[in-house]
């Protein structure tokens, strides 16, 4: 799992940081763009879309899952993934509020708590 670099961040921003860090790789960005909203894809269906080894794809899926960007469920021996849109939207919302609050502070005040 990725970890936020600053322990001084509030908990909600730390969770957002994990989502943004997980999405900081173009392969992972492409992975979350594959399924339509509400659609689930297996590891094989995802891996078939890339010219990468299955181990590499599983690594990226694990990073996305561990940081709240993908949901995972087992269907027998098959692992199925879906995008956790609510988690991504929450991260965007938290960052939006953080930026908005920082812009509303009088000049000279530190924007971070």
C-alpha atoms as a PDB file:
ATOM      1  CA  UNK A   1       0.000   0.000   0.000  1.00  0.00           C
ATOM      2  CA  UNK A   2       1.171   3.502  -0.728  1.00  0.00           C
ATOM      3  CA  UNK A   3       1.563   5.768   2.281  1.00  0.00           C
ATOM      4  CA  UNK A   4       1.056   9.511   2.628  1.00  0.00           C
ATOM      5  CA  UNK A   5       4.352  11.302   3.143  1.00  0.00           C
ATOM      6  CA  UNK A   6       3.111  13.809   5.708  1.00  0.00           C
ATOM      7  CA  UNK A   7       1.785  12.760   9.105  1.00  0.00           C
ATOM      8  CA  UNK A   8       0.544  16.325   9.618  1.00  0.00           C
ATOM      9  CA  UNK A   9      -2.216  15.918   7.019  1.00  0.00           C
ATOM     10  CA  UNK A  10      -5.745  15.460   8.367  1.00  0.00           C
ATOM     11  CA  UNK A  11      -7.095  11.898   7.994  1.00  0.00           C
ATOM     12  CA  UNK A  12      -9.495  12.779   5.159  1.00  0.00           C
ATOM     13  CA  UNK A  13      -6.663  14.309   3.131  1.00  0.00           C
ATOM     14  CA  UNK A  14      -4.414  11.329   3.858  1.00  0.00           C
ATOM     15  CA  UNK A  15      -7.027   9.025   2.310  1.00  0.00           C
ATOM     16  CA  UNK A  16      -7.289  11.374  -0.690  1.00  0.00           C
ATOM     17  CA  UNK A  17      -3.503  11.330  -1.008  1.00  0.00           C
ATOM     18  CA  UNK A  18      -3.578   7.531  -1.299  1.00  0.00           C
ATOM     19  CA  UNK A  19      -6.147   7.687  -4.097  1.00  0.00           C
ATOM     20  CA  UNK A  20      -4.163  10.322  -5.994  1.00  0.00           C
ATOM     21  CA  UNK A  21      -0.901   8.416  -5.496  1.00  0.00           C
ATOM     22  CA  UNK A  22      -2.486   5.220  -6.826  1.00  0.00           C
ATOM     23  CA  UNK A  23      -3.685   7.142  -9.879  1.00  0.00           C
ATOM     24  CA  UNK A  24      -0.240   8.632 -10.473  1.00  0.00           C
ATOM     25  CA  UNK A  25       0.658   5.893 -12.954  1.00  0.00           C
ATOM     26  CA  UNK A  26      -0.626   5.868 -16.545  1.00  0.00           C
ATOM     27  CA  UNK A  27      -1.223   2.098 -16.586  1.00  0.00           C
ATOM     28  CA  UNK A  28      -3.388   2.398 -13.466  1.00  0.00           C
ATOM     29  CA  UNK A  29      -5.254   5.323 -15.034  1.00  0.00           C
ATOM     30  CA  UNK A  30      -5.907   3.199 -18.113  1.00  0.00           C
ATOM     31  CA  UNK A  31      -7.096   0.292 -15.953  1.00  0.00           C
ATOM     32  CA  UNK A  32      -9.791   2.351 -14.260  1.00  0.00           C
ATOM     33  CA  UNK A  33     -10.970   3.674 -17.629  1.00  0.00           C
ATOM     34  CA  UNK A  34     -11.617   0.154 -18.986  1.00  0.00           C
ATOM     35  CA  UNK A  35     -14.919  -0.757 -17.301  1.00  0.00           C
ATOM     36  CA  UNK A  36     -18.097   1.186 -17.842  1.00  0.00           C
ATOM     37  CA  UNK A  37     -19.709   2.484 -14.618  1.00  0.00           C
ATOM     38  CA  UNK A  38     -21.159  -0.488 -12.765  1.00  0.00           C
ATOM     39  CA  UNK A  39     -19.264  -3.015 -14.904  1.00  0.00           C
ATOM     40  CA  UNK A  40     -16.973  -5.626 -13.378  1.00  0.00           C
ATOM     41  CA  UNK A  41     -13.935  -7.105 -15.103  1.00  0.00           C
ATOM     42  CA  UNK A  42     -11.805 -10.135 -14.320  1.00  0.00           C
ATOM     43  CA  UNK A  43      -8.028 -10.030 -14.149  1.00  0.00           C
ATOM     44  CA  UNK A  44      -7.924 -11.820 -17.512  1.00  0.00           C
ATOM     45  CA  UNK A  45     -10.268  -9.289 -19.143  1.00  0.00           C
ATOM     46  CA  UNK A  46      -8.091  -6.455 -17.851  1.00  0.00           C
ATOM     47  CA  UNK A  47      -4.762  -8.120 -18.686  1.00  0.00           C
ATOM     48  CA  UNK A  48      -5.931  -8.864 -22.252  1.00  0.00           C
ATOM     49  CA  UNK A  49      -6.065  -5.104 -22.883  1.00  0.00           C
ATOM     50  CA  UNK A  50      -2.349  -4.595 -22.211  1.00  0.00           C
ATOM     51  CA  UNK A  51       0.947  -5.799 -23.663  1.00  0.00           C
ATOM     52  CA  UNK A  52       2.227  -6.449 -20.147  1.00  0.00           C
ATOM     53  CA  UNK A  53       2.722  -9.592 -18.113  1.00  0.00           C
ATOM     54  CA  UNK A  54      -0.053 -10.783 -15.834  1.00  0.00           C
ATOM     55  CA  UNK A  55       2.186 -10.236 -12.786  1.00  0.00           C
ATOM     56  CA  UNK A  56       2.590  -6.564 -13.708  1.00  0.00           C
ATOM     57  CA  UNK A  57      -1.163  -6.129 -14.161  1.00  0.00           C
ATOM     58  CA  UNK A  58      -1.857  -7.864 -10.835  1.00  0.00           C
ATOM     59  CA  UNK A  59       0.624  -5.494  -9.159  1.00  0.00           C
ATOM     60  CA  UNK A  60      -1.236  -2.459 -10.530  1.00  0.00           C
ATOM     61  CA  UNK A  61      -4.614  -3.946  -9.566  1.00  0.00           C
ATOM     62  CA  UNK A  62      -3.319  -4.553  -6.047  1.00  0.00           C
ATOM     63  CA  UNK A  63      -2.119  -0.955  -5.695  1.00  0.00           C
ATOM     64  CA  UNK A  64      -5.472   0.346  -6.933  1.00  0.00           C
ATOM     65  CA  UNK A  65      -7.405  -1.981  -4.625  1.00  0.00           C
ATOM     66  CA  UNK A  66      -5.258  -1.356  -1.534  1.00  0.00           C
ATOM     67  CA  UNK A  67      -5.643   2.399  -1.953  1.00  0.00           C
ATOM     68  CA  UNK A  68      -9.412   2.384  -2.376  1.00  0.00           C
ATOM     69  CA  UNK A  69      -9.668   2.934  -6.132  1.00  0.00           C
ATOM     70  CA  UNK A  70     -10.897  -0.568  -7.057  1.00  0.00           C
ATOM     71  CA  UNK A  71     -13.259  -2.975  -5.360  1.00  0.00           C
ATOM     72  CA  UNK A  72     -12.451  -6.656  -5.548  1.00  0.00           C
ATOM     73  CA  UNK A  73     -14.576  -9.748  -5.098  1.00  0.00           C
ATOM     74  CA  UNK A  74     -14.016 -13.433  -5.613  1.00  0.00           C
ATOM     75  CA  UNK A  75     -16.235 -15.502  -7.876  1.00  0.00           C
ATOM     76  CA  UNK A  76     -14.972 -19.028  -7.351  1.00  0.00           C
ATOM     77  CA  UNK A  77     -11.319 -18.941  -8.418  1.00  0.00           C
ATOM     78  CA  UNK A  78     -11.814 -15.762 -10.418  1.00  0.00           C
ATOM     79  CA  UNK A  79     -11.039 -12.294  -9.039  1.00  0.00           C
ATOM     80  CA  UNK A  80     -13.383  -9.564 -10.255  1.00  0.00           C
ATOM     81  CA  UNK A  81     -12.706  -5.826 -10.055  1.00  0.00           C
ATOM     82  CA  UNK A  82     -14.903  -2.746 -10.302  1.00  0.00           C
ATOM     83  CA  UNK A  83     -14.043   0.929  -9.958  1.00  0.00           C
ATOM     84  CA  UNK A  84     -14.797   2.505  -6.560  1.00  0.00           C
ATOM     85  CA  UNK A  85     -16.150   5.733  -8.028  1.00  0.00           C
ATOM     86  CA  UNK A  86     -17.387   6.885  -4.628  1.00  0.00           C
ATOM     87  CA  UNK A  87     -13.853   6.695  -3.234  1.00  0.00           C
ATOM     88  CA  UNK A  88     -12.421   8.671  -6.158  1.00  0.00           C
ATOM     89  CA  UNK A  89     -15.178  11.281  -5.899  1.00  0.00           C
ATOM     90  CA  UNK A  90     -14.606  11.564  -2.146  1.00  0.00           C
ATOM     91  CA  UNK A  91     -10.879  12.194  -2.741  1.00  0.00           C
ATOM     92  CA  UNK A  92     -11.695  14.868  -5.317  1.00  0.00           C
ATOM     93  CA  UNK A  93     -14.242  16.418  -2.945  1.00  0.00           C
ATOM     94  CA  UNK A  94     -11.746  16.518  -0.083  1.00  0.00           C
ATOM     95  CA  UNK A  95      -9.102  18.125  -2.277  1.00  0.00           C
ATOM     96  CA  UNK A  96     -11.650  20.633  -3.587  1.00  0.00           C
ATOM     97  CA  UNK A  97     -12.626  21.615  -0.028  1.00  0.00           C
ATOM     98  CA  UNK A  98      -8.994  21.872   1.004  1.00  0.00           C
ATOM     99  CA  UNK A  99      -8.166  24.152  -1.912  1.00  0.00           C
ATOM    100  CA  UNK A 100     -11.313  26.235  -1.442  1.00  0.00           C
ATOM    101  CA  UNK A 101     -10.626  26.674   2.266  1.00  0.00           C
ATOM    102  CA  UNK A 102      -7.023  27.630   1.528  1.00  0.00           C
ATOM    103  CA  UNK A 103      -8.102  30.255  -0.994  1.00  0.00           C
ATOM    104  CA  UNK A 104     -10.572  31.758   1.481  1.00  0.00           C
ATOM    105  CA  UNK A 105      -7.954  32.299   4.199  1.00  0.00           C
ATOM    106  CA  UNK A 106      -6.498  35.790   4.509  1.00  0.00           C
ATOM    107  CA  UNK A 107      -3.058  36.210   2.933  1.00  0.00           C
ATOM    108  CA  UNK A 108      -0.245  35.340   5.274  1.00  0.00           C
ATOM    109  CA  UNK A 109      -2.115  32.476   6.946  1.00  0.00           C
ATOM    110  CA  UNK A 110      -0.744  29.023   6.346  1.00  0.00           C
ATOM    111  CA  UNK A 111      -3.183  27.000   4.200  1.00  0.00           C
ATOM    112  CA  UNK A 112      -2.255  23.721   5.898  1.00  0.00           C
ATOM    113  CA  UNK A 113      -3.522  22.984   9.407  1.00  0.00           C
END
